[in-house]
Amino acid sequence: MKRLAGFNLNSLILIIFIGVAHSSETCFKDKCRHLSNNENKYSKERNLKFAEYEAVIKAAKKEYKPCSKTVCRCFSEIISEDLKPFNNGIDAHTINNIKSKGTKYQIINHRLYRDKDCLFPARCSGIEHFLLRLKHKLNNTEFIVNTRDWPQVYQHQRPQGPVFSFSKTNDYSDIMYPAWAFWEGGPAITLYPKGIGRWDNLSKLIGKIANETSWNDKISKAFFRGSRTSSERDNLILLSRDNPTLIDAQYTKNQAWKSDADTLHAPPAIEVSFEDHCKYKYLFNFIGVAASFRFKHILLCKSLVFHVGNDWIEFFYPFLKPWIHYVPVDRDATKENIMELIQFFDQHQSLAQEIANNGYNFIWNNIQLKYIECYWLNLIKKYTKLLSFEPKLEADLIEIVGNN
């Protein structure tokens, strides 16, 4: 062991450690200040909490096992799980009982038909893009597609039956399908007056920007822009007002906006494109009315995504794992909880970047239009096998034709 100025190096390290541990001063950038007992206590508590985060992340990495099958086969597991309540068969009477829950579709002799009226035409169009491409591969079938934001088949109410919905919680028996917005009918805001646009085009744009922006060039702030669809977002907004150097979170207008009271007593902020989200290291995702369309877009930014709440899901969510692809945040997290998480990752940049890259890689590699089409194909094939009757064309349906 080398000696330095008469000291054994181990002894020197021990002396430094004891001195730091018992010192009532902290120095940062050549400035020292006295620490109160409360501040010392807070620092110890924070360090303990940070150690907990490190342990949780380490455990998550150890337990994580990505699906080793092809993408289509991995997603097929979700379809099988959703169809379990109907494994004993689906009869015409059951479908008739729940037809008011959505839009009825039939595929007869490889031609596509649906109810004359669709509650949200652009959403139906987004769905029909895939159905038209697949109709020649499908046997005669019929099904109900819910185009509302909210699922329809609550487990503790009647009637029960197979309804396709894009999002749900564990309280619902709806069968998940890839949302219409992969092709058309996504949320329309000032920046995207006709909807957010086709996933294939937008994902390539966001991915390009993400890959052109290095981690160190990103702004070291937590960022959020969105309307006040839930009070769960308030704590982050209020925290931002108190800590503008670390957080930039503001409310924008929505259709229900009437005054600044609807944006938590502040003027509404200007909307920000998905591409510009990629400028920031930390991005927050909240549920909207149901699962958030934002989630997959901001995961593509190669920024660390803080995902608030875990009850609402889309078809691909079960393959996204907390602490591996995103940072989980409780829906009732306090301002202190949120600040603690942001500070932890701000001081653990390699972990933050690793999780950010994992989120990007999952979305880029698995959420592609060819896999969306494959999901629809497997969903309808598996569903059709459960029908206990031969569907017959209903006279009041209209034929849907397209360029596919």
Protein backbone atom coordinates (compact mmCIF):
# COMPACT_ATOMS: atom_id res chain seq x y z
CA MET A 1 0.00 0.00 0.00
CA LYS A 2 1.41 3.40 -0.96
CA ARG A 3 1.89 6.07 1.70
CA LEU A 4 1.08 9.76 1.19
CA ALA A 5 2.81 12.41 3.37
CA GLY A 6 3.29 9.92 6.18
CA PHE A 7 -0.31 8.62 6.04
CA ASN A 8 -1.44 5.18 5.04
CA LEU A 9 -3.91 5.76 2.14
CA ASN A 10 -6.62 3.67 3.82
CA SER A 11 -6.27 5.76 6.95
CA LEU A 12 -6.55 8.94 4.91
CA ILE A 13 -9.75 7.77 3.24
CA LEU A 14 -11.18 6.84 6.65
CA ILE A 15 -10.31 10.26 8.09
CA ILE A 16 -11.95 12.02 5.13
CA PHE A 17 -15.07 9.89 5.45
CA ILE A 18 -15.39 10.57 9.19
CA GLY A 19 -14.83 14.26 8.63
CA VAL A 20 -17.53 14.47 5.98
CA ALA A 21 -19.96 12.37 8.00
CA HIS A 22 -19.62 14.59 11.08
CA SER A 23 -19.27 17.95 9.38
CA SER A 24 -22.10 20.44 9.75
CA GLU A 25 -21.05 22.19 6.54
CA THR A 26 -21.66 21.34 2.91
CA CYS A 27 -19.63 22.78 0.05
CA PHE A 28 -20.81 23.15 -3.50
CA LYS A 29 -18.97 25.02 -6.23
CA ASP A 30 -16.54 26.51 -3.65
CA LYS A 31 -19.35 27.84 -1.48
CA CYS A 32 -19.94 26.42 2.00
CA ARG A 33 -22.96 26.80 4.18
CA HIS A 34 -23.98 25.48 7.59
CA LEU A 35 -26.44 22.59 7.55
CA SER A 36 -29.20 22.59 10.12
CA ASN A 37 -30.19 19.35 11.84
CA ASN A 38 -33.33 19.24 9.70
CA GLU A 39 -31.30 19.61 6.50
CA ASN A 40 -28.92 16.85 7.62
CA LYS A 41 -31.94 14.65 8.38
CA TYR A 42 -33.45 15.42 4.97
CA SER A 43 -30.17 14.59 3.26
CA LYS A 44 -29.96 11.24 5.05
CA GLU A 45 -33.58 10.42 4.22
CA ARG A 46 -33.01 11.36 0.60
CA ASN A 47 -29.91 9.18 0.39
CA LEU A 48 -31.83 6.26 1.83
CA LYS A 49 -34.60 6.81 -0.68
CA PHE A 50 -32.10 7.04 -3.52
CA ALA A 51 -30.62 3.73 -2.39
CA GLU A 52 -34.12 2.24 -2.51
CA TYR A 53 -34.55 3.41 -6.11
CA GLU A 54 -31.22 1.86 -7.06
CA ALA A 55 -32.24 -1.44 -5.44
CA VAL A 56 -35.63 -1.44 -7.19
CA ILE A 57 -34.02 -0.80 -10.57
CA LYS A 58 -31.46 -3.53 -9.96
CA ALA A 59 -34.21 -6.01 -9.05
CA ALA A 60 -36.28 -5.01 -12.10
CA LYS A 61 -33.32 -5.67 -14.38
CA LYS A 62 -32.75 -9.06 -12.80
CA GLU A 63 -36.39 -10.10 -13.17
CA TYR A 64 -36.99 -8.71 -16.65
CA LYS A 65 -37.36 -11.30 -19.39
CA PRO A 66 -38.35 -9.92 -22.78
CA CYS A 67 -40.63 -12.01 -24.95
CA SER A 68 -38.40 -14.32 -26.97
CA LYS A 69 -40.96 -15.06 -29.68
CA THR A 70 -41.64 -13.08 -32.82
CA VAL A 71 -43.46 -9.79 -32.30
CA CYS A 72 -46.73 -11.16 -33.68
CA ARG A 73 -46.61 -14.22 -31.44
CA CYS A 74 -45.80 -12.11 -28.39
CA PHE A 75 -48.81 -9.88 -29.03
CA SER A 76 -50.93 -12.98 -29.67
CA GLU A 77 -50.63 -13.76 -25.96
CA ILE A 78 -52.53 -10.56 -25.15
CA ILE A 79 -55.29 -11.53 -27.59
CA SER A 80 -55.66 -14.97 -26.02
CA GLU A 81 -55.89 -13.42 -22.56
CA ASP A 82 -58.55 -10.94 -23.65
CA LEU A 83 -60.62 -13.71 -25.27
CA LYS A 84 -60.56 -16.02 -22.25
CA PRO A 85 -63.99 -14.91 -20.94
CA PHE A 86 -65.49 -16.09 -24.25
CA ASN A 87 -63.73 -19.43 -24.61
CA ASN A 88 -67.03 -21.29 -24.22
CA GLY A 89 -68.27 -19.72 -27.42
CA ILE A 90 -70.03 -16.60 -28.67
CA ASP A 91 -73.57 -16.88 -30.02
CA ALA A 92 -75.62 -14.44 -32.10
CA HIS A 93 -77.87 -13.58 -29.14
CA THR A 94 -74.87 -12.41 -27.08
CA ILE A 95 -73.66 -10.13 -29.86
CA ASN A 96 -77.16 -8.74 -30.37
CA ASN A 97 -77.37 -7.87 -26.66
CA ILE A 98 -74.28 -5.67 -26.78
CA LYS A 99 -74.58 -4.17 -30.26
CA SER A 100 -75.44 -0.75 -28.78
CA LYS A 101 -71.95 -0.64 -27.23
CA GLY A 102 -70.30 0.17 -30.55
CA THR A 103 -70.34 -0.14 -34.33
CA LYS A 104 -71.20 -3.48 -35.86
CA TYR A 105 -68.92 -4.87 -38.56
CA GLN A 106 -69.31 -7.94 -40.73
CA ILE A 107 -66.90 -9.57 -43.15
CA ILE A 108 -68.88 -11.74 -45.56
CA ASN A 109 -67.30 -13.43 -48.56
CA HIS A 110 -64.21 -11.25 -48.10
CA ARG A 111 -66.20 -8.01 -48.28
CA LEU A 112 -66.44 -5.52 -45.42
CA TYR A 113 -69.74 -4.15 -44.07
CA ARG A 114 -70.71 -2.02 -41.07
CA ASP A 115 -73.56 -0.07 -39.51
CA LYS A 116 -74.61 2.88 -41.62
CA ASP A 117 -73.86 5.34 -38.84
CA CYS A 118 -70.53 5.57 -37.06
CA LEU A 119 -70.26 7.71 -33.93
CA PHE A 120 -66.80 8.96 -34.96
CA PRO A 121 -66.34 8.62 -38.74
CA ALA A 122 -62.60 9.39 -38.74
CA ARG A 123 -62.04 6.75 -36.10
CA CYS A 124 -64.00 4.18 -38.08
CA SER A 125 -61.95 5.10 -41.12
CA GLY A 126 -58.73 4.50 -39.19
CA ILE A 127 -59.97 1.04 -38.18
CA GLU A 128 -61.26 0.22 -41.65
CA HIS A 129 -57.86 0.86 -43.20
CA PHE A 130 -56.64 -2.35 -41.56
CA LEU A 131 -59.85 -4.34 -42.03
CA LEU A 132 -59.88 -3.62 -45.75
CA ARG A 133 -56.31 -4.82 -46.07
CA LEU A 134 -57.12 -8.06 -44.26
CA LYS A 135 -60.62 -8.98 -45.44
CA HIS A 136 -59.36 -11.38 -48.11
CA LYS A 137 -57.59 -13.41 -45.39
CA LEU A 138 -60.62 -13.73 -43.12
CA ASN A 139 -63.56 -16.08 -42.89
CA ASN A 140 -67.11 -14.81 -42.45
CA THR A 141 -67.37 -13.02 -39.13
CA GLU A 142 -69.05 -10.20 -37.23
CA PHE A 143 -67.98 -8.11 -34.25
CA ILE A 144 -68.72 -4.91 -32.33
CA VAL A 145 -66.08 -2.15 -32.29
CA ASN A 146 -66.27 0.59 -29.67
CA THR A 147 -64.83 3.87 -30.97
CA ARG A 148 -65.45 5.82 -27.76
CA ASP A 149 -62.54 6.64 -25.49
CA TRP A 150 -64.07 4.63 -22.63
CA PRO A 151 -64.42 0.81 -22.52
CA GLN A 152 -67.96 -0.56 -22.44
CA VAL A 153 -68.12 -3.96 -20.72
CA TYR A 154 -67.85 -3.42 -16.98
CA GLN A 155 -67.34 -6.79 -15.32
CA HIS A 156 -69.93 -6.22 -12.61
CA GLN A 157 -72.79 -5.16 -14.88
CA ARG A 158 -74.99 -6.71 -17.53
CA PRO A 159 -75.09 -7.31 -20.41
CA GLN A 160 -71.74 -9.02 -20.92
CA GLY A 161 -70.34 -9.72 -24.34
CA PRO A 162 -67.39 -9.29 -26.71
CA VAL A 163 -66.73 -5.63 -27.49
CA PHE A 164 -63.51 -4.41 -29.09
CA SER A 165 -62.07 -1.32 -27.33
CA PHE A 166 -58.69 0.36 -27.66
CA SER A 167 -58.08 0.76 -23.92
CA LYS A 168 -59.31 -0.62 -20.62
CA THR A 169 -58.58 -1.34 -16.97
CA ASN A 170 -58.83 -4.64 -15.13
CA ASP A 171 -62.44 -3.77 -14.27
CA TYR A 172 -63.51 -4.26 -17.90
CA SER A 173 -63.86 -7.31 -20.14
CA ASP A 174 -63.41 -5.42 -23.40
CA ILE A 175 -61.15 -6.97 -26.02
CA MET A 176 -58.29 -4.64 -26.89
CA TYR A 177 -57.49 -3.66 -30.47
CA PRO A 178 -54.86 -1.23 -31.86
CA ALA A 179 -56.37 2.25 -31.77
CA TRP A 180 -57.68 3.93 -34.93
CA ALA A 181 -55.04 6.63 -34.51
CA PHE A 182 -52.33 4.39 -35.93
CA TRP A 183 -53.77 5.42 -39.29
CA GLU A 184 -56.40 8.14 -38.84
CA GLY A 185 -58.71 9.83 -36.35
CA GLY A 186 -56.18 10.69 -33.66
CA PRO A 187 -56.64 13.61 -31.25
CA ALA A 188 -57.08 16.94 -33.03
CA ILE A 189 -55.41 19.97 -31.47
CA THR A 190 -54.21 23.30 -32.84
CA LEU A 191 -50.90 21.78 -33.95
CA TYR A 192 -52.68 18.81 -35.53
CA PRO A 193 -56.08 20.13 -36.64
CA LYS A 194 -56.82 16.95 -38.65
CA GLY A 195 -55.51 14.65 -35.95
CA ILE A 196 -52.00 13.66 -34.98
CA GLY A 197 -51.44 11.79 -38.23
CA ARG A 198 -50.32 8.37 -39.40
CA TRP A 199 -48.10 6.50 -36.99
CA ASP A 200 -45.63 5.35 -39.63
CA ASN A 201 -44.89 8.90 -40.75
CA LEU A 202 -44.85 10.51 -37.32
CA SER A 203 -42.81 7.75 -35.68
CA LYS A 204 -40.10 8.10 -38.34
CA LEU A 205 -39.98 11.87 -37.79
CA ILE A 206 -39.75 11.59 -34.00
CA GLY A 207 -37.22 8.78 -34.23
CA LYS A 208 -35.04 10.79 -36.59
CA ILE A 209 -35.01 13.77 -34.23
CA ALA A 210 -34.33 11.52 -31.24
CA ASN A 211 -31.33 9.97 -32.94
CA GLU A 212 -29.99 13.36 -34.00
CA THR A 213 -30.17 14.74 -30.44
CA SER A 214 -27.54 13.47 -28.03
CA TRP A 215 -28.44 12.93 -24.38
CA ASN A 216 -26.04 15.65 -23.24
CA ASP A 217 -27.60 18.14 -25.65
CA LYS A 218 -31.07 17.68 -24.18
CA ILE A 219 -32.43 20.24 -21.73
CA SER A 220 -32.10 18.94 -18.16
CA LYS A 221 -35.71 19.59 -17.23
CA ALA A 222 -38.86 17.58 -16.68
CA PHE A 223 -41.37 18.62 -19.34
CA PHE A 224 -45.14 18.38 -19.78
CA ARG A 225 -47.74 20.11 -21.97
CA GLY A 226 -51.35 19.07 -21.95
CA SER A 227 -54.83 20.07 -20.93
CA ARG A 228 -56.26 19.65 -17.45
CA THR A 229 -58.29 16.49 -18.05
CA SER A 230 -57.51 15.32 -14.53
CA SER A 231 -56.50 16.93 -11.26
CA GLU A 232 -53.81 14.25 -10.96
CA ARG A 233 -51.68 16.51 -13.14
CA ASP A 234 -51.93 19.47 -10.76
CA ASN A 235 -49.01 18.58 -8.50
CA LEU A 236 -46.55 18.58 -11.38
CA ILE A 237 -47.89 21.92 -12.65
CA LEU A 238 -47.64 23.51 -9.19
CA LEU A 239 -44.19 22.03 -8.67
CA SER A 240 -43.08 23.56 -11.94
CA ARG A 241 -44.19 27.01 -10.81
CA ASP A 242 -42.04 26.64 -7.68
CA ASN A 243 -39.07 25.05 -9.50
CA PRO A 244 -38.91 26.45 -13.03
CA THR A 245 -35.22 25.62 -13.43
CA LEU A 246 -35.93 21.89 -13.03
CA ILE A 247 -39.48 21.49 -14.36
CA ASP A 248 -41.41 23.05 -17.24
CA ALA A 249 -44.99 21.83 -16.93
CA GLN A 250 -47.97 23.90 -18.06
CA TYR A 251 -51.60 23.41 -18.98
CA THR A 252 -52.93 24.06 -22.46
CA LYS A 253 -56.49 24.72 -23.55
CA ASN A 254 -58.97 22.01 -24.36
CA GLN A 255 -62.51 22.20 -25.70
CA ALA A 256 -63.93 22.72 -22.20
CA TRP A 257 -61.64 25.67 -21.39
CA LYS A 258 -63.54 28.80 -20.34
CA SER A 259 -61.12 30.82 -18.22
CA ASP A 260 -57.72 30.70 -16.53
CA ALA A 261 -59.37 28.79 -13.70
CA ASP A 262 -59.46 25.81 -16.07
CA THR A 263 -55.67 25.96 -16.38
CA LEU A 264 -55.10 26.22 -12.63
CA HIS A 265 -55.32 30.02 -12.54
CA ALA A 266 -52.66 30.68 -15.17
CA PRO A 267 -52.94 31.61 -18.84
CA PRO A 268 -53.00 28.53 -21.08
CA ALA A 269 -49.67 27.57 -22.60
CA ILE A 270 -49.02 27.08 -26.29
CA GLU A 271 -49.16 23.48 -27.49
CA VAL A 272 -45.84 21.77 -28.22
CA SER A 273 -45.24 19.23 -30.97
CA PHE A 274 -44.08 15.70 -30.19
CA GLU A 275 -40.82 16.48 -31.95
CA ASP A 276 -40.11 19.39 -29.61
CA HIS A 277 -40.74 17.17 -26.60
CA CYS A 278 -37.53 15.39 -27.60
CA LYS A 279 -35.50 18.45 -26.59
CA TYR A 280 -35.98 17.55 -22.92
CA LYS A 281 -34.37 14.80 -20.86
CA TYR A 282 -37.44 14.01 -18.75
CA LEU A 283 -41.01 13.72 -20.03
CA PHE A 284 -44.22 13.12 -18.08
CA ASN A 285 -47.09 11.01 -19.35
CA PHE A 286 -50.55 11.08 -17.74
CA ILE A 287 -53.74 9.25 -18.63
CA GLY A 288 -56.38 11.30 -20.40
CA VAL A 289 -59.97 10.11 -20.49
CA ALA A 290 -58.48 6.63 -20.87
CA ALA A 291 -54.98 5.51 -21.92
CA SER A 292 -52.82 8.30 -23.31
CA PHE A 293 -52.07 8.48 -27.04
CA ARG A 294 -48.98 10.49 -26.04
CA PHE A 295 -47.17 7.56 -24.40
CA LYS A 296 -45.79 5.75 -27.44
CA HIS A 297 -44.81 9.02 -29.11
CA ILE A 298 -42.74 10.39 -26.26
CA LEU A 299 -41.09 7.03 -25.60
CA LEU A 300 -39.61 7.44 -29.08
CA CYS A 301 -37.82 10.63 -28.00
CA LYS A 302 -35.02 8.76 -26.23
CA SER A 303 -35.96 10.84 -23.21
CA LEU A 304 -36.74 9.37 -19.80
CA VAL A 305 -40.51 8.98 -19.50
CA PHE A 306 -42.24 9.26 -16.12
CA HIS A 307 -45.50 7.33 -16.54
CA VAL A 308 -48.17 8.29 -14.00
CA GLY A 309 -50.60 5.52 -13.04
CA ASN A 310 -50.71 1.93 -14.24
CA ASP A 311 -54.40 1.05 -14.43
CA TRP A 312 -55.22 2.09 -18.01
CA ILE A 313 -53.59 0.04 -20.74
CA GLU A 314 -53.45 -0.45 -24.50
CA PHE A 315 -52.60 -3.73 -26.17
CA PHE A 316 -48.81 -3.26 -26.00
CA TYR A 317 -48.53 -1.95 -22.43
CA PRO A 318 -48.05 -5.38 -20.79
CA PHE A 319 -44.67 -5.64 -22.52
CA LEU A 320 -43.48 -2.29 -21.19
CA LYS A 321 -41.94 -2.79 -17.76
CA PRO A 322 -41.51 -0.18 -14.99
CA TRP A 323 -37.90 0.78 -14.29
CA ILE A 324 -36.88 -0.93 -17.53
CA HIS A 325 -38.71 1.14 -20.18
CA TYR A 326 -40.10 3.99 -18.07
CA VAL A 327 -40.26 5.36 -14.53
CA PRO A 328 -43.52 4.51 -12.72
CA VAL A 329 -45.18 7.29 -10.73
CA ASP A 330 -48.15 6.76 -8.42
CA ARG A 331 -51.33 8.57 -9.42
CA ASP A 332 -51.50 10.13 -5.96
CA ALA A 333 -47.82 11.09 -5.84
CA THR A 334 -47.14 14.22 -3.81
CA LYS A 335 -45.02 17.11 -5.02
CA GLU A 336 -42.26 15.79 -2.78
CA ASN A 337 -42.49 12.31 -4.34
CA ILE A 338 -42.27 13.76 -7.84
CA MET A 339 -39.35 16.04 -7.01
CA GLU A 340 -37.49 13.19 -5.37
CA LEU A 341 -37.79 11.02 -8.48
CA ILE A 342 -36.65 13.78 -10.81
CA GLN A 343 -33.68 14.62 -8.58
CA PHE A 344 -32.68 10.96 -8.35
CA PHE A 345 -32.41 10.55 -12.10
CA ASP A 346 -30.86 13.98 -12.50
CA GLN A 347 -28.06 12.65 -10.29
CA HIS A 348 -27.98 9.22 -11.98
CA GLN A 349 -27.64 10.14 -15.62
CA SER A 350 -26.44 6.75 -16.86
CA LEU A 351 -29.51 5.04 -15.41
CA ALA A 352 -31.78 7.70 -16.87
CA GLN A 353 -30.26 7.32 -20.32
CA GLU A 354 -30.37 3.53 -20.15
CA ILE A 355 -34.10 3.45 -19.37
CA ALA A 356 -34.76 6.12 -21.99
CA ASN A 357 -32.99 4.02 -24.64
CA ASN A 358 -34.89 0.89 -23.58
CA GLY A 359 -38.21 2.69 -24.06
CA TYR A 360 -37.17 3.94 -27.47
CA ASN A 361 -35.96 0.52 -28.61
CA PHE A 362 -39.16 -1.22 -27.59
CA ILE A 363 -41.43 1.18 -29.46
CA TRP A 364 -39.18 1.45 -32.52
CA ASN A 365 -38.76 -2.31 -32.89
CA ASN A 366 -42.25 -3.51 -31.96
CA ILE A 367 -44.83 -0.83 -32.70
CA GLN A 368 -44.76 -0.78 -36.49
CA LEU A 369 -47.68 -0.80 -38.90
CA LYS A 370 -46.87 -4.32 -40.10
CA TYR A 371 -47.27 -5.54 -36.52
CA ILE A 372 -50.47 -3.54 -36.04
CA GLU A 373 -51.85 -5.29 -39.12
CA CYS A 374 -50.67 -8.63 -37.77
CA TYR A 375 -52.41 -7.92 -34.45
CA TRP A 376 -55.71 -7.20 -36.21
CA LEU A 377 -55.38 -10.37 -38.27
CA ASN A 378 -54.69 -12.61 -35.27
CA LEU A 379 -57.38 -10.91 -33.22
CA ILE A 380 -60.15 -11.46 -35.77
CA LYS A 381 -59.04 -15.00 -36.60
CA LYS A 382 -58.96 -16.07 -32.95
CA TYR A 383 -62.24 -14.29 -32.25
CA THR A 384 -64.00 -15.82 -35.28
CA LYS A 385 -63.08 -19.33 -34.13
CA LEU A 386 -65.16 -18.69 -31.00
CA LEU A 387 -68.36 -17.88 -32.93
CA SER A 388 -70.92 -20.65 -32.50
CA PHE A 389 -72.95 -19.59 -35.55
CA GLU A 390 -72.38 -18.75 -39.19
CA PRO A 391 -72.75 -14.99 -39.72
CA LYS A 392 -75.22 -13.91 -42.44
CA LEU A 393 -75.12 -10.53 -44.11
CA GLU A 394 -77.54 -8.10 -42.47
CA ALA A 395 -79.54 -6.02 -44.94
CA ASP A 396 -79.21 -2.72 -43.06
CA LEU A 397 -75.39 -2.69 -43.14
CA ILE A 398 -73.44 -0.75 -45.77
CA GLU A 399 -70.43 -2.01 -47.67
CA ILE A 400 -67.11 -0.31 -46.97
CA VAL A 401 -64.77 -0.07 -49.93
CA GLY A 402 -61.38 1.54 -50.22
CA ASN A 403 -58.11 1.64 -52.08
CA ASN A 404 -56.53 -1.24 -50.20
